[in-house]
Amino acid sequence: MAVDLSFYTSPLSEEIRDEGRAEGRAEGRAEMLLSALDVRGIGVTDTIREKITACPDPELLHRSLGRVFSATTAEEIFGE
């Protein structure tokens, strides 16, 4: 009996993989952002921590990471 593997090469399957990759990048960048804030000694409220960890956009998190080095508060990173 042959197994139909066409789903794994379908556009839907590729879209699912792409979403998983973006989610993984966002999680990794959120961890880096929180680590950078910790290293700089910048306190993070539960609200900001949730905003960082729930963010699905790896590019937004990447830009935010760049602002960590000039910010004095976590709120400054997001323009709050």
Protein backbone atom coordinates (compact mmCIF):
# COMPACT_ATOMS: atom_id res chain seq x y z
CA MET A 1 0.00 0.00 0.00
CA ALA A 2 1.47 3.33 -1.10
CA VAL A 3 1.23 6.35 1.16
CA ASP A 4 0.22 9.65 -0.43
CA LEU A 5 2.88 12.19 0.56
CA SER A 6 1.66 15.00 -1.72
CA PHE A 7 0.45 17.05 1.26
CA TYR A 8 4.05 17.55 2.38
CA THR A 9 4.90 19.32 -0.87
CA SER A 10 1.66 21.30 -1.14
CA PRO A 11 1.36 25.08 -0.79
CA LEU A 12 -0.63 24.61 2.44
CA SER A 13 2.12 22.50 3.94
CA GLU A 14 4.74 25.11 2.99
CA GLU A 15 2.60 27.86 4.53
CA ILE A 16 2.35 25.90 7.77
CA ARG A 17 6.14 25.44 7.83
CA ASP A 18 6.71 29.15 7.13
CA GLU A 19 4.41 30.12 10.01
CA GLY A 20 6.30 27.76 12.30
CA ARG A 21 9.63 29.27 11.27
CA ALA A 22 8.38 32.83 11.90
CA GLU A 23 7.00 31.79 15.27
CA GLY A 24 10.36 30.25 16.19
CA ARG A 25 12.21 33.41 15.13
CA ALA A 26 9.83 35.56 17.19
CA GLU A 27 10.31 33.37 20.27
CA GLY A 28 14.09 33.50 19.90
CA ARG A 29 14.14 37.25 19.46
CA ALA A 30 11.81 37.73 22.43
CA GLU A 31 14.25 35.74 24.57
CA MET A 32 17.17 37.84 23.29
CA LEU A 33 15.28 41.06 23.99
CA LEU A 34 14.44 40.00 27.54
CA SER A 35 18.05 38.89 28.11
CA ALA A 36 19.40 42.21 26.83
CA LEU A 37 17.07 44.10 29.15
CA ASP A 38 18.23 41.94 32.05
CA VAL A 39 21.92 42.48 31.23
CA ARG A 40 21.35 46.23 31.06
CA GLY A 41 19.58 46.10 34.43
CA ILE A 42 16.36 47.47 32.97
CA GLY A 43 13.31 46.30 34.91
CA VAL A 44 10.51 44.66 32.98
CA THR A 45 6.93 44.81 34.19
CA ASP A 46 4.61 41.86 33.68
CA THR A 47 2.77 43.91 31.04
CA ILE A 48 5.94 44.56 29.03
CA ARG A 49 7.10 40.94 29.43
CA GLU A 50 3.73 39.75 28.08
CA LYS A 51 3.93 42.23 25.19
CA ILE A 52 7.38 40.91 24.27
CA THR A 53 6.62 37.20 24.62
CA ALA A 54 3.26 37.46 22.83
CA CYS A 55 4.61 39.42 19.86
CA PRO A 56 4.36 37.30 16.69
CA ASP A 57 6.46 39.68 14.55
CA PRO A 58 10.17 38.76 14.52
CA GLU A 59 11.06 41.97 12.65
CA LEU A 60 9.38 44.19 15.26
CA LEU A 61 11.27 42.34 17.98
CA HIS A 62 14.52 42.76 16.03
CA ARG A 63 13.98 46.54 15.80
CA SER A 64 13.09 46.62 19.50
CA LEU A 65 16.31 44.80 20.33
CA GLY A 66 18.26 47.59 18.64
CA ARG A 67 16.59 50.15 20.91
CA VAL A 68 17.58 48.27 24.08
CA PHE A 69 21.07 49.76 23.93
CA SER A 70 19.92 53.37 24.14
CA ALA A 71 16.81 52.95 26.31
CA THR A 72 16.75 53.59 30.03
CA THR A 73 13.35 51.93 30.58
CA ALA A 74 11.60 49.00 28.93
CA GLU A 75 8.71 51.28 27.99
CA GLU A 76 11.04 53.41 25.82
CA ILE A 77 11.73 50.42 23.62
CA PHE A 78 8.12 50.39 22.44
CA GLY A 79 7.65 54.16 22.39
CA GLU A 80 5.40 54.15 25.44
